[in-house]
Amino acid sequence: MINTIHAVVTVMMIVVIGATGGAGLRNSSPQSESSWQEEFGLSKRSLVPTGRNQYFILEPGFQLVLEEENEKLTITVLDETRKVNGIVTRVVEEREWENGNLIEVSRNFFAIDEKTKDVFYFGEEVDMYKGGKVINHSGAWLAGKNGARAGLIMSGQPKVGMKYYQEIAPEVAMDRAEIISVDDTLETPAGSFSKCLKTKEGTPLEPSEKEFKIYAPEIGLIQDESLLLTKYGFIEKK
């Protein structure tokens, strides 16, 4: 009789685990191979336009310059804010040159959680240039418009294996990143940096394309593919 009861209980446990346990494990592991985090509970966060975490600085006047032989990228935190989808964000301008010619100017909108130091990306305005003239606005998106939502650009507590969407704008911009190291060392024209964070980025819109970026503590982006940091710091107001 005892053996019969034990067998019945065992079968019931297997059925329950098979019905609920597997799905529960998958849902509780957002960093699994096939899962990318895209929900961040923004309505419950305290988001502000100014601040910093270990790898991302949102303070007016801070600038990064990355270069290679024929390309240059400047990233400047402007003394300017923009309300996007009800959130006051900081405007960060990026300018890109190729062979001395300006090819892109984007105004990116970020906000940081005061408590967790997570930095979120609320969209960008884009001007693409050719021959000194704006030719299109490819890649532009704003959270709250056409189904777009804010993504995570940099965690306040990054860990290897984290996988998350940086941009959530269906059919326009769906960039996502995976943290693959938090202990990289890199030599750049601006100096040697250790304990760096390295990401692998891509998008389901173009599955074959991948790029790698490296961020240094208390500085931010120091390598974007072949571009390396040549200068950083706060610039004087004009």
Protein backbone atom coordinates (compact mmCIF):
# COMPACT_ATOMS: atom_id res chain seq x y z
CA MET A 1 0.00 0.00 0.00
CA ILE A 2 2.80 2.44 0.93
CA ASN A 3 4.63 1.66 -2.31
CA THR A 4 1.45 2.28 -4.32
CA ILE A 5 0.89 5.69 -2.68
CA HIS A 6 4.53 6.61 -3.27
CA ALA A 7 4.23 5.74 -6.94
CA VAL A 8 1.08 7.82 -7.37
CA VAL A 9 2.67 10.84 -5.66
CA THR A 10 5.77 10.50 -7.83
CA VAL A 11 3.71 10.46 -11.03
CA MET A 12 1.72 13.51 -9.88
CA MET A 13 4.96 15.40 -9.15
CA ILE A 14 6.33 14.58 -12.61
CA VAL A 15 3.11 15.80 -14.25
CA VAL A 16 3.12 19.07 -12.27
CA ILE A 17 6.80 19.74 -13.05
CA GLY A 18 6.27 18.94 -16.72
CA ALA A 19 3.27 21.28 -16.90
CA THR A 20 4.68 24.27 -15.05
CA GLY A 21 8.31 23.84 -14.01
CA GLY A 22 9.91 24.01 -17.43
CA ALA A 23 8.12 27.20 -18.47
CA GLY A 24 8.86 28.75 -15.11
CA LEU A 25 12.56 28.08 -15.48
CA ARG A 26 12.63 29.58 -18.95
CA ASN A 27 10.79 32.72 -17.82
CA SER A 28 13.05 33.21 -14.81
CA SER A 29 16.19 33.09 -16.96
CA PRO A 30 15.98 36.15 -19.24
CA GLN A 31 19.66 35.79 -20.13
CA SER A 32 19.26 32.37 -21.77
CA GLU A 33 20.62 31.89 -25.27
CA SER A 34 17.31 32.64 -26.97
CA SER A 35 16.03 35.41 -24.69
CA TRP A 36 16.85 39.12 -24.76
CA GLN A 37 15.52 41.41 -22.05
CA GLU A 38 13.17 44.07 -23.41
CA GLU A 39 11.04 44.92 -20.36
CA PHE A 40 12.65 47.22 -17.81
CA GLY A 41 9.80 48.42 -15.58
CA LEU A 42 10.38 52.06 -16.47
CA SER A 43 7.10 53.24 -14.92
CA LYS A 44 8.44 52.31 -11.47
CA ARG A 45 11.83 53.92 -11.87
CA SER A 46 13.16 57.32 -10.87
CA LEU A 47 14.62 58.60 -14.14
CA VAL A 48 16.64 61.80 -14.41
CA PRO A 49 18.63 63.41 -17.25
CA THR A 50 21.92 63.83 -15.40
CA GLY A 51 24.24 61.34 -13.69
CA ARG A 52 26.69 58.56 -14.36
CA ASN A 53 27.43 54.91 -13.78
CA GLN A 54 30.74 53.12 -14.05
CA TYR A 55 30.72 53.00 -17.85
CA PHE A 56 28.39 55.80 -18.99
CA ILE A 57 28.58 59.52 -18.23
CA LEU A 58 25.55 61.80 -18.65
CA GLU A 59 27.03 65.10 -17.48
CA PRO A 60 26.94 68.22 -19.70
CA GLY A 61 30.25 69.01 -21.37
CA PHE A 62 31.71 65.51 -21.29
CA GLN A 63 33.11 64.45 -24.64
CA LEU A 64 34.73 61.39 -26.21
CA VAL A 65 36.70 61.45 -29.46
CA LEU A 66 37.38 58.16 -31.29
CA GLU A 67 39.37 57.91 -34.49
CA GLU A 68 41.09 55.69 -36.99
CA GLU A 69 42.96 56.56 -40.18
CA ASN A 70 40.04 57.94 -42.20
CA GLU A 71 37.19 58.08 -39.69
CA LYS A 72 36.32 60.19 -36.68
CA LEU A 73 33.51 60.08 -34.12
CA THR A 74 32.78 62.66 -31.43
CA ILE A 75 30.25 62.01 -28.66
CA THR A 76 29.29 65.11 -26.68
CA VAL A 77 26.91 65.36 -23.73
CA LEU A 78 25.04 68.59 -24.38
CA ASP A 79 23.73 71.09 -21.83
CA GLU A 80 20.29 70.36 -23.23
CA THR A 81 17.33 68.16 -22.34
CA ARG A 82 14.37 66.82 -24.28
CA LYS A 83 11.11 65.33 -22.99
CA VAL A 84 10.49 62.00 -24.72
CA ASN A 85 7.43 59.89 -23.92
CA GLY A 86 6.92 61.84 -20.71
CA ILE A 87 10.54 61.51 -19.50
CA VAL A 88 13.06 64.36 -19.37
CA THR A 89 16.14 63.01 -21.15
CA ARG A 90 19.67 64.24 -21.71
CA VAL A 91 20.69 65.07 -25.29
CA VAL A 92 23.94 63.46 -26.44
CA GLU A 93 25.22 64.48 -29.86
CA GLU A 94 27.24 62.19 -32.10
CA ARG A 95 29.09 63.43 -35.17
CA GLU A 96 30.77 61.11 -37.66
CA TRP A 97 33.28 61.97 -40.41
CA GLU A 98 34.76 59.92 -43.23
CA ASN A 99 37.81 61.20 -45.11
CA GLY A 100 37.20 64.59 -43.54
CA ASN A 101 33.59 64.76 -44.69
CA LEU A 102 30.70 64.92 -42.23
CA ILE A 103 28.44 61.91 -42.88
CA GLU A 104 26.10 61.78 -39.86
CA VAL A 105 24.85 63.87 -36.96
CA SER A 106 22.55 62.29 -34.40
CA ARG A 107 20.91 63.64 -31.26
CA ASN A 108 20.43 60.79 -28.80
CA PHE A 109 18.15 60.87 -25.77
CA PHE A 110 19.12 59.17 -22.51
CA ALA A 111 17.94 59.06 -18.89
CA ILE A 112 19.47 57.40 -15.84
CA ASP A 113 17.82 55.67 -12.89
CA GLU A 114 18.86 57.53 -9.74
CA LYS A 115 18.85 54.34 -7.66
CA THR A 116 20.17 51.56 -9.90
CA LYS A 117 22.25 53.77 -12.24
CA ASP A 118 20.83 51.92 -15.25
CA VAL A 119 20.95 54.18 -18.33
CA PHE A 120 18.07 54.01 -20.83
CA TYR A 121 17.90 55.01 -24.47
CA PHE A 122 14.74 56.85 -25.58
CA GLY A 123 15.55 57.39 -29.24
CA GLU A 124 17.46 59.56 -31.67
CA GLU A 125 17.06 62.19 -34.33
CA VAL A 126 19.34 61.49 -37.30
CA ASP A 127 20.69 63.59 -40.16
CA MET A 128 22.65 61.68 -42.81
CA TYR A 129 24.92 63.85 -44.97
CA LYS A 130 26.39 63.62 -48.45
CA GLY A 131 28.28 66.44 -50.09
CA GLY A 132 27.48 68.73 -47.18
CA LYS A 133 23.72 68.24 -47.51
CA VAL A 134 21.21 66.21 -45.49
CA ILE A 135 20.02 63.31 -47.64
CA ASN A 136 17.85 61.33 -45.19
CA HIS A 137 17.06 60.57 -41.56
CA SER A 138 17.68 56.82 -41.62
CA GLY A 139 17.47 55.08 -38.24
CA ALA A 140 15.60 57.86 -36.42
CA TRP A 141 13.10 56.77 -33.75
CA LEU A 142 11.48 58.01 -30.54
CA ALA A 143 10.03 56.05 -27.64
CA GLY A 144 6.26 56.42 -27.57
CA LYS A 145 5.89 56.76 -31.35
CA ASN A 146 4.97 54.00 -33.82
CA GLY A 147 5.24 51.31 -31.15
CA ALA A 148 8.79 52.23 -30.12
CA ARG A 149 9.95 51.81 -26.51
CA ALA A 150 13.05 52.75 -24.57
CA GLY A 151 15.87 50.23 -24.29
CA LEU A 152 18.77 49.72 -21.89
CA ILE A 153 22.03 51.27 -23.09
CA MET A 154 24.17 50.47 -20.02
CA SER A 155 23.40 48.57 -16.83
CA GLY A 156 24.36 50.06 -13.50
CA GLN A 157 25.50 46.58 -12.41
CA PRO A 158 26.78 44.89 -15.58
CA LYS A 159 27.53 41.18 -15.53
CA VAL A 160 28.90 38.80 -18.13
CA GLY A 161 26.05 37.08 -19.95
CA MET A 162 23.54 39.92 -19.71
CA LYS A 163 21.57 40.23 -22.99
CA TYR A 164 19.28 43.19 -23.56
CA TYR A 165 17.69 45.40 -26.19
CA GLN A 166 19.16 48.87 -26.54
CA GLU A 167 16.63 50.10 -29.09
CA ILE A 168 13.07 48.85 -29.47
CA ALA A 169 11.65 50.43 -32.61
CA PRO A 170 10.04 47.69 -34.76
CA GLU A 171 11.31 47.61 -38.36
CA VAL A 172 13.50 50.68 -37.74
CA ALA A 173 16.01 50.09 -34.93
CA MET A 174 16.27 46.91 -32.84
CA ASP A 175 19.87 46.98 -31.63
CA ARG A 176 20.73 44.64 -28.77
CA ALA A 177 23.87 43.86 -26.77
CA GLU A 178 25.43 40.99 -24.88
CA ILE A 179 28.09 41.61 -22.24
CA ILE A 180 30.95 39.22 -22.95
CA SER A 181 33.62 40.58 -20.58
CA VAL A 182 34.09 42.98 -17.67
CA ASP A 183 37.83 42.49 -17.35
CA ASP A 184 39.29 43.54 -20.71
CA THR A 185 42.45 45.60 -21.13
CA LEU A 186 42.93 47.91 -24.10
CA GLU A 187 45.69 50.19 -25.33
CA THR A 188 44.45 53.33 -27.12
CA PRO A 189 46.06 56.58 -28.28
CA ALA A 190 44.49 58.18 -25.19
CA GLY A 191 46.06 55.67 -22.79
CA SER A 192 45.87 52.11 -21.53
CA PHE A 193 42.72 51.00 -19.74
CA SER A 194 41.93 47.94 -17.63
CA LYS A 195 38.80 46.36 -16.12
CA CYS A 196 36.93 47.31 -19.27
CA LEU A 197 33.48 46.12 -20.30
CA LYS A 198 33.14 44.49 -23.72
CA THR A 199 29.88 44.01 -25.61
CA LYS A 200 28.85 42.17 -28.73
CA GLU A 201 26.09 44.03 -30.52
CA GLY A 202 23.73 43.11 -33.32
CA THR A 203 20.14 43.37 -34.52
CA PRO A 204 17.51 40.86 -35.64
CA LEU A 205 16.85 43.19 -38.57
CA GLU A 206 20.28 42.22 -39.97
CA PRO A 207 21.18 38.94 -38.20
CA SER A 208 24.54 38.48 -39.93
CA GLU A 209 25.96 41.80 -38.71
CA LYS A 210 27.87 41.95 -35.41
CA GLU A 211 30.10 44.58 -33.85
CA PHE A 212 32.16 44.85 -30.69
CA LYS A 213 32.53 47.79 -28.33
CA ILE A 214 34.68 48.35 -25.26
CA TYR A 215 33.95 50.72 -22.37
CA ALA A 216 36.47 51.88 -19.75
CA PRO A 217 35.56 52.61 -16.11
CA GLU A 218 34.79 56.28 -15.40
CA ILE A 219 35.20 57.16 -19.10
CA GLY A 220 32.81 55.22 -21.31
CA LEU A 221 33.26 54.10 -24.91
CA ILE A 222 36.92 53.66 -25.86
CA GLN A 223 36.60 51.32 -28.85
CA ASP A 224 33.90 51.07 -31.49
CA GLU A 225 35.05 48.43 -33.98
CA SER A 226 38.22 49.97 -35.52
CA LEU A 227 37.74 53.38 -33.88
CA LEU A 228 39.88 53.98 -30.79
CA LEU A 229 39.73 56.70 -28.13
CA THR A 230 42.07 59.60 -28.84
CA LYS A 231 40.74 62.23 -26.44
CA TYR A 232 38.25 62.49 -23.57
CA GLY A 233 37.16 64.85 -20.81
CA PHE A 234 35.04 67.90 -20.19
CA ILE A 235 35.13 70.66 -22.80
CA GLU A 236 34.67 74.37 -22.25
CA LYS A 237 31.29 75.91 -23.02
CA LYS A 238 31.21 77.92 -26.20
